[in-house]
N, C-alpha and C. Protein backbone atom coordinates (compact mmCIF):
# COMPACT_ATOMS: atom_id res chain seq x y z
N UNK A 1 -2.82 50.09 35.44
CA UNK A 1 -1.67 48.67 34.79
C UNK A 1 -2.93 47.66 34.22
N UNK A 2 -2.33 46.57 33.33
CA UNK A 2 -3.50 46.11 32.51
C UNK A 2 -2.50 44.65 32.49
N UNK A 3 -3.40 43.73 33.44
CA UNK A 3 -2.94 42.78 33.68
C UNK A 3 -3.35 41.57 32.97
N UNK A 4 -2.56 40.72 31.94
CA UNK A 4 -2.70 39.47 31.03
C UNK A 4 -3.27 38.23 31.23
N UNK A 5 -3.38 38.01 32.66
CA UNK A 5 -3.18 36.46 33.51
C UNK A 5 -4.60 35.84 32.24
N UNK A 6 -5.97 36.27 32.36
CA UNK A 6 -7.23 36.23 31.20
C UNK A 6 -7.26 35.96 30.32
N UNK A 7 -6.18 37.22 29.47
CA UNK A 7 -6.27 36.68 27.97
C UNK A 7 -4.46 35.77 27.78
N UNK A 8 -3.98 36.00 29.09
CA UNK A 8 -3.31 34.85 28.18
C UNK A 8 -3.91 33.13 27.97
N UNK A 9 -4.53 32.80 29.45
CA UNK A 9 -5.53 31.62 29.96
C UNK A 9 -5.87 31.51 28.46
N UNK A 10 -6.84 32.13 28.37
CA UNK A 10 -7.40 32.15 26.74
C UNK A 10 -7.31 31.33 25.64
N UNK A 11 -5.18 31.69 25.48
CA UNK A 11 -4.83 30.85 24.31
C UNK A 11 -4.31 29.21 25.11
N UNK A 12 -4.75 29.47 26.12
CA UNK A 12 -5.21 27.29 26.32
C UNK A 12 -5.74 27.01 24.67
N UNK A 13 -6.38 27.28 23.94
CA UNK A 13 -6.89 26.66 22.68
C UNK A 13 -5.91 26.21 21.79
N UNK A 14 -4.75 27.12 22.14
CA UNK A 14 -3.34 26.72 21.16
C UNK A 14 -2.35 25.86 21.38
N UNK A 15 -2.38 25.42 22.59
CA UNK A 15 -1.29 24.66 22.91
C UNK A 15 -2.19 23.18 22.22
N UNK A 16 -2.20 22.44 21.69
CA UNK A 16 -2.82 20.91 21.13
C UNK A 16 -2.01 19.68 21.97
N UNK A 17 -2.88 18.69 22.56
CA UNK A 17 -2.06 17.92 23.17
C UNK A 17 -2.01 16.29 21.88
N UNK A 18 -1.53 15.50 22.25
CA UNK A 18 -0.84 14.06 21.36
C UNK A 18 -0.10 14.31 20.81
N UNK A 19 0.55 15.08 20.60
CA UNK A 19 1.99 15.80 19.63
C UNK A 19 2.91 14.58 18.94
N UNK A 20 3.22 13.41 19.52
CA UNK A 20 3.94 12.50 19.07
C UNK A 20 2.85 11.09 18.02
N UNK A 21 1.22 11.44 18.82
CA UNK A 21 0.26 10.37 17.96
C UNK A 21 -0.41 10.94 17.19
N UNK A 22 -0.22 10.37 15.25
CA UNK A 22 -1.61 10.63 14.32
C UNK A 22 -2.94 11.27 15.34
N UNK A 23 -3.74 11.65 15.01
CA UNK A 23 -4.90 11.94 15.46
C UNK A 23 -6.08 12.62 13.99
N UNK A 24 -6.77 11.66 14.38
CA UNK A 24 -7.88 11.73 13.45
C UNK A 24 -8.79 13.07 13.03
N UNK A 25 -9.21 13.84 15.11
CA UNK A 25 -9.12 15.32 15.06
C UNK A 25 -8.25 15.81 16.19
N UNK A 26 -7.82 16.73 16.72
CA UNK A 26 -6.67 17.48 17.07
C UNK A 26 -7.82 17.93 18.99
N UNK A 27 -6.94 17.40 19.58
CA UNK A 27 -7.54 18.41 21.21
C UNK A 27 -6.97 19.49 21.73
N UNK A 28 -7.34 20.52 22.01
CA UNK A 28 -6.50 21.44 22.70
C UNK A 28 -6.22 21.60 24.04
N UNK A 29 -5.16 21.79 25.02
CA UNK A 29 -5.98 21.91 26.31
C UNK A 29 -6.66 23.01 27.18
N UNK A 30 -7.53 23.31 26.41
CA UNK A 30 -8.73 23.90 26.52
C UNK A 30 -9.85 23.51 26.26
N UNK A 31 -9.50 22.28 25.27
CA UNK A 31 -10.66 21.06 25.28
C UNK A 31 -10.80 19.93 26.40
N UNK A 32 -9.63 19.47 26.42
CA UNK A 32 -9.15 18.55 27.41
C UNK A 32 -9.45 19.17 28.54
N UNK A 33 -9.17 20.67 29.10
CA UNK A 33 -9.42 20.90 30.43
C UNK A 33 -11.45 21.47 31.25
N UNK A 34 -11.84 21.52 29.18
CA UNK A 34 -13.23 20.99 29.50
C UNK A 34 -13.85 20.17 29.98
N UNK A 35 -12.98 19.22 29.49
CA UNK A 35 -14.01 17.77 29.71
C UNK A 35 -13.06 17.10 31.14
N UNK A 36 -12.35 17.44 31.33
CA UNK A 36 -11.67 17.15 32.31
C UNK A 36 -12.53 18.11 34.16
N UNK A 37 -12.90 19.12 33.18
CA UNK A 37 -13.70 19.41 34.88
C UNK A 37 -14.82 19.22 35.11
N UNK A 38 -15.54 18.47 33.22
CA UNK A 38 -17.02 17.80 33.41
C UNK A 38 -16.38 16.46 34.18
N UNK A 39 -15.77 15.49 34.29
CA UNK A 39 -15.35 14.15 34.45
C UNK A 39 -15.26 14.35 36.37
N UNK A 40 -14.33 15.77 36.52
CA UNK A 40 -13.80 15.86 37.67
C UNK A 40 -15.52 16.12 38.56
N UNK A 41 -16.17 16.96 38.40
CA UNK A 41 -17.46 17.43 38.81
C UNK A 41 -17.78 15.85 39.10
N UNK A 42 -18.02 15.02 38.67
CA UNK A 42 -18.89 13.83 38.58
C UNK A 42 -18.67 12.93 39.13
N UNK A 43 -17.20 12.58 39.27
CA UNK A 43 -16.15 11.56 40.15
C UNK A 43 -16.85 12.53 41.47
N UNK A 44 -17.28 13.70 42.14
CA UNK A 44 -16.91 14.32 43.32
C UNK A 44 -17.77 14.49 43.54
N UNK A 45 -19.58 14.43 42.59
CA UNK A 45 -21.37 14.47 42.90
C UNK A 45 -21.08 12.37 43.34
N UNK A 46 -20.40 11.90 42.79
CA UNK A 46 -20.39 9.88 42.76
C UNK A 46 -20.23 10.24 44.49
N UNK A 47 -18.96 10.58 44.01
CA UNK A 47 -18.44 10.32 45.48
C UNK A 47 -18.89 10.84 46.64
N UNK A 48 -19.19 11.84 46.92
CA UNK A 48 -20.54 12.79 47.31
C UNK A 48 -21.69 12.01 47.95
N UNK A 49 -22.23 11.78 47.07
CA UNK A 49 -24.09 11.62 46.45
C UNK A 49 -23.89 9.87 46.73
N UNK A 50 -23.11 8.68 46.30
CA UNK A 50 -23.04 7.74 46.41
C UNK A 50 -22.33 7.38 46.99
N UNK A 51 -21.34 7.31 47.74
CA UNK A 51 -19.97 7.52 48.46
C UNK A 51 -20.41 7.35 50.05
N UNK A 52 -21.08 9.13 49.92
CA UNK A 52 -20.88 9.63 51.25
C UNK A 52 -20.23 11.16 51.44
N UNK A 53 -19.51 10.82 50.63
CA UNK A 53 -18.16 11.84 51.14
C UNK A 53 -18.13 12.83 51.21
N UNK A 54 -17.86 13.83 51.75
CA UNK A 54 -17.69 15.27 52.06
C UNK A 54 -16.30 15.89 50.62
N UNK A 55 -16.76 16.19 49.59
CA UNK A 55 -16.23 16.51 48.80
C UNK A 55 -17.52 18.41 47.91
N UNK A 56 -16.69 19.12 48.01
CA UNK A 56 -17.99 19.81 47.28
C UNK A 56 -17.33 19.91 45.38
N UNK A 57 -17.96 19.60 45.05
CA UNK A 57 -18.07 19.52 42.67
C UNK A 57 -17.79 20.25 42.84
N UNK A 58 -17.92 21.79 42.77
CA UNK A 58 -17.77 22.95 42.26
C UNK A 58 -15.79 23.30 42.39
N UNK A 59 -15.65 22.93 43.52
CA UNK A 59 -14.05 23.12 44.18
C UNK A 59 -13.16 22.25 42.59
N UNK A 60 -13.49 20.57 42.83
CA UNK A 60 -13.76 19.88 42.03
C UNK A 60 -13.32 19.78 40.71
N UNK A 61 -14.08 20.71 39.59
CA UNK A 61 -14.32 21.36 38.35
C UNK A 61 -13.27 22.62 38.24
N UNK A 62 -13.45 23.72 39.57
CA UNK A 62 -12.56 24.78 39.59
C UNK A 62 -11.01 24.49 39.05
N UNK A 63 -10.31 23.73 40.29
CA UNK A 63 -9.25 22.73 40.25
C UNK A 63 -8.95 22.01 38.45
N UNK A 64 -9.71 21.52 38.36
CA UNK A 64 -9.66 20.95 36.97
C UNK A 64 -9.63 21.84 35.36
N UNK A 65 -10.58 22.73 35.36
CA UNK A 65 -10.57 23.33 33.96
C UNK A 65 -8.47 24.59 34.65
N UNK A 66 -8.37 24.24 35.99
CA UNK A 66 -7.25 25.07 35.73
C UNK A 66 -6.19 24.65 36.25
N UNK A 67 -6.15 22.88 35.59
CA UNK A 67 -5.06 22.00 36.19
C UNK A 67 -3.83 21.87 34.79
N UNK A 68 -4.46 21.81 33.76
CA UNK A 68 -3.30 22.31 32.56
C UNK A 68 -2.53 23.98 32.73
N UNK A 69 -3.50 24.41 33.31
CA UNK A 69 -2.77 26.42 32.29
C UNK A 69 -1.48 26.66 32.55
N UNK A 70 -0.24 26.14 33.36
CA UNK A 70 0.82 26.08 33.23
C UNK A 70 0.98 25.73 31.46
N UNK A 71 0.70 25.09 31.41
CA UNK A 71 1.12 24.80 29.26
C UNK A 71 0.98 25.42 28.13
N UNK A 72 0.67 26.56 29.20
CA UNK A 72 -0.05 27.83 28.12
C UNK A 72 1.43 28.30 28.61
N UNK A 73 2.75 28.70 28.91
CA UNK A 73 3.92 29.24 28.57
C UNK A 73 4.54 27.87 28.89
N UNK A 74 4.54 26.68 29.03
CA UNK A 74 5.28 24.94 28.79
C UNK A 74 4.84 24.18 27.06
N UNK A 75 3.77 24.50 27.13
CA UNK A 75 3.42 23.17 25.91
C UNK A 75 3.09 21.93 26.34
N UNK A 76 2.54 21.12 25.68
CA UNK A 76 2.11 20.46 26.88
C UNK A 76 2.87 18.97 26.40
N UNK A 77 4.36 17.74 26.82
CA UNK A 77 5.13 17.44 27.63
C UNK A 77 4.42 16.63 26.66
N UNK A 78 5.23 15.49 25.96
CA UNK A 78 4.08 14.23 25.39
C UNK A 78 4.38 12.81 26.72
N UNK A 79 3.56 12.95 27.20
CA UNK A 79 3.64 11.43 28.92
C UNK A 79 4.98 10.52 28.45
N UNK A 80 4.79 9.95 27.44
CA UNK A 80 6.37 9.09 27.73
C UNK A 80 7.84 9.40 27.78
N UNK A 81 8.05 11.30 27.05
CA UNK A 81 8.81 12.00 27.81
C UNK A 81 8.49 12.37 28.81
N UNK A 82 7.38 12.65 29.55
CA UNK A 82 6.84 13.49 30.97
C UNK A 82 7.98 12.68 32.34
N UNK A 83 7.46 10.96 31.42
CA UNK A 83 7.46 10.64 32.57
C UNK A 83 8.34 9.04 32.14
N UNK A 84 9.53 9.22 31.19
CA UNK A 84 10.66 8.93 31.17
C UNK A 84 11.74 8.19 32.23
N UNK A 85 11.88 9.31 32.71
CA UNK A 85 12.99 8.89 34.29
C UNK A 85 12.46 9.68 35.45
N UNK A 86 12.88 9.71 36.40
CA UNK A 86 12.32 10.75 37.83
C UNK A 86 13.19 12.10 37.35
N UNK A 87 14.03 11.70 36.75
CA UNK A 87 14.92 13.36 36.75
C UNK A 87 13.86 14.30 35.93
N UNK A 88 13.56 13.40 34.54
CA UNK A 88 13.11 14.73 33.80
C UNK A 88 11.54 14.96 34.54
N UNK A 89 10.75 13.90 34.79
CA UNK A 89 9.61 14.03 35.66
C UNK A 89 9.49 14.67 36.52
N UNK A 90 10.58 14.94 37.87
CA UNK A 90 10.67 16.42 38.41
C UNK A 90 11.00 17.73 37.82
N UNK A 91 11.85 17.25 36.63
CA UNK A 91 12.52 18.73 35.53
C UNK A 91 11.26 19.02 36.05
N UNK A 92 10.58 18.77 34.65
CA UNK A 92 9.25 19.30 34.27
C UNK A 92 8.18 19.79 35.74
N UNK A 93 7.70 19.13 36.76
CA UNK A 93 7.27 19.61 37.60
C UNK A 93 7.73 21.08 38.58
N UNK A 94 8.75 20.89 38.13
CA UNK A 94 9.69 22.01 38.85
C UNK A 94 9.44 22.86 37.91
N UNK A 95 9.35 23.37 36.35
CA UNK A 95 9.48 23.65 35.27
C UNK A 95 7.56 24.76 35.21
N UNK A 96 6.43 23.56 35.29
CA UNK A 96 5.28 23.76 35.35
C UNK A 96 5.41 25.02 37.28
N UNK A 97 6.01 24.70 37.82
CA UNK A 97 5.45 25.55 39.23
C UNK A 97 6.47 26.51 38.78
N UNK A 98 7.05 27.60 37.71
CA UNK A 98 7.63 28.25 37.51
C UNK A 98 6.32 28.64 36.76
N UNK A 99 5.97 27.73 35.85
CA UNK A 99 4.84 28.71 34.71
C UNK A 99 3.54 28.81 35.95
N UNK A 100 3.57 28.64 37.03
CA UNK A 100 2.11 28.74 37.66
C UNK A 100 2.53 30.10 38.12
N UNK A 101 3.00 29.91 38.62
CA UNK A 101 4.20 31.09 39.66
C UNK A 101 4.16 32.69 38.11
N UNK A 102 4.62 32.63 37.27
CA UNK A 102 4.38 33.78 36.55
C UNK A 102 3.10 33.76 35.84
N UNK A 103 2.41 32.65 35.81
CA UNK A 103 0.94 32.72 36.04
C UNK A 103 0.58 33.32 36.66
N UNK A 104 0.21 33.06 38.22
CA UNK A 104 0.14 34.51 39.22
C UNK A 104 0.31 35.58 39.24
N UNK A 105 1.50 35.53 38.99
CA UNK A 105 1.95 36.87 38.77
C UNK A 105 1.40 38.55 38.02
N UNK A 106 0.61 37.81 36.78
CA UNK A 106 -0.24 37.98 35.44
C UNK A 106 -1.33 38.19 36.43
N UNK A 107 -1.53 38.62 37.40
CA UNK A 107 -3.39 38.96 38.32
C UNK A 107 -2.47 40.15 38.76
N UNK A 108 -3.96 40.90 39.50
CA UNK A 108 -3.69 42.42 40.97
C UNK A 108 -3.64 41.31 42.14
N UNK A 109 -2.59 41.92 43.27
CA UNK A 109 -2.52 40.92 44.11
C UNK A 109 -3.46 41.02 45.34
N UNK A 110 -4.69 41.77 44.87
CA UNK A 110 -5.66 41.02 45.70
C UNK A 110 -6.20 39.81 44.77
N UNK A 111 -5.73 39.57 43.49
CA UNK A 111 -6.79 38.43 43.56
C UNK A 111 -5.56 36.80 42.98
N UNK A 112 -4.24 37.27 43.46
CA UNK A 112 -3.85 35.90 43.99
C UNK A 112 -4.01 35.39 44.39
N UNK A 113 -4.57 35.89 46.35
CA UNK A 113 -5.35 34.01 47.00
C UNK A 113 -5.54 33.68 46.70
N UNK A 114 -6.68 34.39 46.07
CA UNK A 114 -7.82 33.16 45.23
C UNK A 114 -7.11 32.19 44.77
N UNK A 115 -6.42 32.46 43.06
CA UNK A 115 -6.42 32.08 42.37
C UNK A 115 -4.73 30.44 42.62
N UNK A 116 -4.10 31.33 43.65
CA UNK A 116 -3.05 30.31 44.39
C UNK A 116 -2.92 28.98 44.98
N UNK A 117 -3.68 28.54 45.06
CA UNK A 117 -4.55 26.88 45.15
C UNK A 117 -5.08 26.63 44.47
N UNK A 118 -5.24 27.34 43.21
CA UNK A 118 -6.29 26.94 41.49
C UNK A 118 -4.52 26.35 40.96
N UNK A 119 -3.91 27.23 40.60
CA UNK A 119 -2.64 27.07 40.42
C UNK A 119 -2.09 26.18 40.56
N UNK A 120 -1.27 26.47 41.93
CA UNK A 120 -0.39 25.35 42.95
C UNK A 120 -1.55 24.26 43.05
N UNK A 121 -1.30 23.29 42.94
CA UNK A 121 -2.46 22.57 43.26
C UNK A 121 -1.85 21.51 44.04
N UNK A 122 -2.49 21.84 45.87
CA UNK A 122 -2.10 20.46 46.70
C UNK A 122 -2.09 18.52 46.50
N UNK A 123 -1.56 17.95 46.62
CA UNK A 123 -2.00 16.55 46.81
C UNK A 123 -2.24 16.48 47.56
N UNK A 124 -4.18 16.59 47.34
CA UNK A 124 -4.66 16.17 48.22
C UNK A 124 -6.36 15.45 47.85
N UNK A 125 -7.70 15.43 48.70
CA UNK A 125 -8.35 13.85 47.73
C UNK A 125 -8.61 15.53 46.50
N UNK A 126 -9.04 16.34 46.31
CA UNK A 126 -8.77 17.59 45.77
C UNK A 126 -8.62 16.59 44.34
N UNK A 127 -6.60 16.65 44.68
CA UNK A 127 -5.19 16.57 43.17
C UNK A 127 -5.83 14.93 42.71
N UNK A 128 -6.42 14.04 43.38
CA UNK A 128 -6.67 12.72 43.15
C UNK A 128 -7.36 12.11 42.05
N UNK A 129 -8.82 13.11 42.73
CA UNK A 129 -9.80 13.44 41.54
C UNK A 129 -9.56 14.18 40.61
N UNK A 130 -9.34 14.79 40.56
CA UNK A 130 -8.78 15.89 39.14
C UNK A 130 -7.18 14.96 38.27
N UNK A 131 -6.76 14.04 39.17
CA UNK A 131 -6.19 13.22 37.89
C UNK A 131 -6.56 12.12 37.17
N UNK A 132 -7.61 11.37 38.41
CA UNK A 132 -8.30 10.42 37.78
C UNK A 132 -9.53 11.15 36.85
N UNK A 133 -10.24 12.41 37.01
CA UNK A 133 -10.36 12.10 35.81
C UNK A 133 -10.17 13.11 34.59
N UNK A 134 -8.63 13.54 35.13
CA UNK A 134 -7.83 13.69 33.56
C UNK A 134 -7.02 12.34 32.23
N UNK A 135 -6.91 11.19 33.93
CA UNK A 135 -6.86 10.13 33.39
C UNK A 135 -7.77 9.71 32.64
N UNK A 136 -9.06 9.47 32.47
CA UNK A 136 -10.27 9.14 32.11
C UNK A 136 -10.86 9.95 30.73
N UNK A 137 -10.29 11.74 30.60
CA UNK A 137 -9.92 12.32 29.63
C UNK A 137 -9.56 11.21 28.71
N UNK A 138 -8.65 11.00 28.98
CA UNK A 138 -7.65 10.33 28.16
C UNK A 138 -8.31 9.49 27.24
N UNK A 139 -8.66 8.51 27.64
CA UNK A 139 -9.04 7.20 27.90
C UNK A 139 -10.65 7.33 27.55
N UNK A 140 -10.98 8.16 26.88
CA UNK A 140 -12.30 9.00 26.77
C UNK A 140 -11.82 9.23 25.05
N UNK A 141 -10.30 10.03 24.98
CA UNK A 141 -9.64 10.54 23.62
C UNK A 141 -9.53 9.07 22.51
N UNK A 142 -8.93 8.38 23.37
CA UNK A 142 -8.66 6.77 22.77
C UNK A 142 -9.76 6.62 22.23
N UNK A 143 -10.78 5.92 22.68
CA UNK A 143 -11.97 5.24 22.52
C UNK A 143 -12.66 6.50 21.67
N UNK A 144 -12.61 7.15 21.15
CA UNK A 144 -12.95 8.66 20.11
C UNK A 144 -12.33 8.53 19.28
N UNK A 145 -11.24 8.24 19.43
CA UNK A 145 -10.17 8.14 17.96
C UNK A 145 -9.94 6.55 17.68
N UNK A 146 -10.19 5.55 18.45
CA UNK A 146 -9.98 4.13 18.06
C UNK A 146 -11.43 4.13 17.05
N UNK A 147 -13.09 4.57 17.59
CA UNK A 147 -13.87 4.73 16.73
C UNK A 147 -13.85 5.46 15.78
N UNK A 148 -12.74 5.73 15.29
CA UNK A 148 -13.02 6.98 14.16
C UNK A 148 -11.82 5.80 13.08
N UNK A 149 -11.33 4.77 13.70
CA UNK A 149 -9.97 3.84 13.27
C UNK A 149 -8.78 4.07 13.05
N UNK A 150 -8.96 5.18 13.85
CA UNK A 150 -7.11 5.71 14.09
C UNK A 150 -6.64 4.17 15.09
N UNK A 151 -6.00 3.26 15.25
CA UNK A 151 -5.84 2.32 15.34
C UNK A 151 -4.45 1.90 16.20
N UNK A 152 -4.08 3.87 16.06
CA UNK A 152 -3.10 4.76 17.04
C UNK A 152 -2.74 4.84 18.36
N UNK A 153 -3.84 4.48 18.93
CA UNK A 153 -4.11 5.24 20.23
C UNK A 153 -4.69 3.87 20.57
N UNK A 154 -4.75 2.03 20.13
CA UNK A 154 -4.77 1.33 20.81
C UNK A 154 -4.22 0.62 22.13
N UNK A 155 -2.75 1.46 21.64
CA UNK A 155 -2.33 0.84 22.93
C UNK A 155 -2.87 2.04 24.24
N UNK A 156 -2.51 2.94 23.69
CA UNK A 156 -3.03 4.00 25.10
C UNK A 156 -3.62 3.86 25.95
N UNK A 157 -4.47 3.64 24.68
CA UNK A 157 -6.10 3.20 25.34
C UNK A 157 -5.96 1.97 26.57
N UNK A 158 -5.50 0.68 26.17
CA UNK A 158 -4.61 -0.53 27.12
C UNK A 158 -4.37 0.83 27.92
N UNK A 159 -3.95 1.31 27.83
CA UNK A 159 -2.81 1.83 29.12
C UNK A 159 -3.59 2.42 30.08
N UNK A 160 -4.37 3.17 29.55
CA UNK A 160 -4.99 4.49 30.35
C UNK A 160 -6.06 3.33 31.07
N UNK A 161 -7.13 2.19 30.28
CA UNK A 161 -8.33 1.19 31.16
C UNK A 161 -7.14 0.90 31.93
N UNK A 162 -6.51 0.52 31.52
CA UNK A 162 -5.48 -0.88 32.77
C UNK A 162 -5.08 0.34 34.07
N UNK A 163 -5.12 1.85 33.74
CA UNK A 163 -4.60 2.77 35.08
C UNK A 163 -6.45 3.17 35.72
N UNK A 164 -7.05 2.73 35.25
CA UNK A 164 -8.11 3.35 35.31
C UNK A 164 -9.01 2.73 36.19
N UNK A 165 -8.60 1.70 35.63
CA UNK A 165 -9.30 -0.47 36.98
C UNK A 165 -8.02 -0.27 37.71
N UNK A 166 -6.86 -0.22 37.83
CA UNK A 166 -5.63 0.15 39.18
C UNK A 166 -6.48 1.29 40.53
N UNK A 167 -7.60 2.07 39.51
CA UNK A 167 -7.60 3.27 40.73
C UNK A 167 -7.71 2.93 41.99
N UNK A 168 -7.75 3.14 43.10
CA UNK A 168 -8.04 2.87 44.15
C UNK A 168 -9.41 4.01 44.56
N UNK A 169 -10.04 4.72 43.73
CA UNK A 169 -10.79 5.22 43.28
C UNK A 169 -13.12 4.80 43.76
N UNK A 170 -13.20 4.90 44.74
CA UNK A 170 -14.43 3.92 44.18
C UNK A 170 -15.23 5.11 42.91
N UNK A 171 -14.87 6.20 43.31
CA UNK A 171 -15.76 6.26 42.04
C UNK A 171 -15.28 6.12 40.85
N UNK A 172 -14.18 6.43 40.77
CA UNK A 172 -13.61 6.03 39.35
C UNK A 172 -14.58 4.42 38.78
N UNK A 173 -13.97 3.86 39.72
CA UNK A 173 -15.26 2.29 39.02
C UNK A 173 -16.72 2.43 39.48
N UNK A 174 -17.11 2.95 39.43
CA UNK A 174 -18.97 3.73 39.68
C UNK A 174 -18.15 4.09 38.07
N UNK A 175 -17.91 4.84 37.75
CA UNK A 175 -18.53 5.69 36.33
C UNK A 175 -17.62 4.65 35.08
N UNK A 176 -17.17 3.44 34.87
CA UNK A 176 -16.80 2.82 34.83
C UNK A 176 -16.96 2.00 34.11
N UNK A 177 -17.95 1.79 34.93
CA UNK A 177 -19.46 0.73 35.42
C UNK A 177 -20.09 1.40 34.64
N UNK A 178 -21.06 2.38 34.78
CA UNK A 178 -21.85 2.67 35.06
C UNK A 178 -22.18 3.98 33.38
N UNK A 179 -21.21 4.78 32.99
CA UNK A 179 -21.49 5.54 32.29
C UNK A 179 -19.99 5.70 30.58
N UNK A 180 -18.87 4.97 31.23
CA UNK A 180 -17.72 4.69 30.10
C UNK A 180 -18.45 3.17 28.91
N UNK A 181 -19.68 2.75 29.02
CA UNK A 181 -20.05 2.05 27.75
C UNK A 181 -20.08 3.08 26.97
N UNK A 182 -21.39 4.55 27.26
CA UNK A 182 -22.13 5.14 26.87
C UNK A 182 -20.83 5.94 25.41
N UNK A 183 -19.87 6.05 26.09
CA UNK A 183 -18.61 6.28 24.53
C UNK A 183 -18.11 5.25 23.77
N UNK A 184 -18.71 3.84 23.65
CA UNK A 184 -18.85 3.24 22.49
C UNK A 184 -20.04 3.64 21.46
N UNK A 185 -21.21 3.42 21.95
CA UNK A 185 -22.06 4.11 21.01
C UNK A 185 -21.79 5.21 19.98
N UNK A 186 -22.96 4.91 18.97
CA UNK A 186 -22.67 6.15 17.97
C UNK A 186 -24.13 6.81 18.09
N UNK A 187 -24.03 8.24 17.90
CA UNK A 187 -25.47 9.20 18.07
C UNK A 187 -25.95 8.56 17.76
N UNK A 188 -26.65 7.95 17.28
CA UNK A 188 -28.21 6.97 16.84
C UNK A 188 -28.40 6.37 18.82
N UNK A 189 -27.01 5.18 18.43
CA UNK A 189 -27.27 4.66 19.86
C UNK A 189 -27.63 5.71 21.08
N UNK A 190 -26.88 6.68 21.64
CA UNK A 190 -27.02 7.51 22.71
C UNK A 190 -28.61 8.30 22.80
N UNK A 191 -29.35 8.18 21.55
CA UNK A 191 -30.64 8.50 21.86
C UNK A 191 -31.68 7.46 22.37
């Protein structure tokens, strides 16, 4: 019997993000998930090595890699729509849950226990960290668009920055202070 889980996962590259906004370059959920994984790993390392927290950076990265996997079946619902009101937000969460369970059903039975916590993520310390990495990734996308002269992302940049500054996670503040300034630089300035 053939299982189509990984073939479907590979289609993340066809799901675009920021659908309501004019983009100077398109971003898909595969690219986004990679960046969120990089950032979640970094935030976990900061939590562990700077603040003495107990967390597995590898687990944070894996959860981030799959955090948008249900969108393969649902598409990417723009944030203003997704969070327009509690009923829409809750209904979309149910749709994402059904999508995650459909993805799980595409795995052999013996692999499902390993992928269940990855696709159906609990609200725990990892969840908060991945959400923060997701917000950081969105903010970085906004900064890149602004650097390219696309003012369409000005308000989104302000909103994501404010959300990051209000984060209760000390590793987010650390990242904003020590690493975010580099995203304002040109390639020549980075070297």
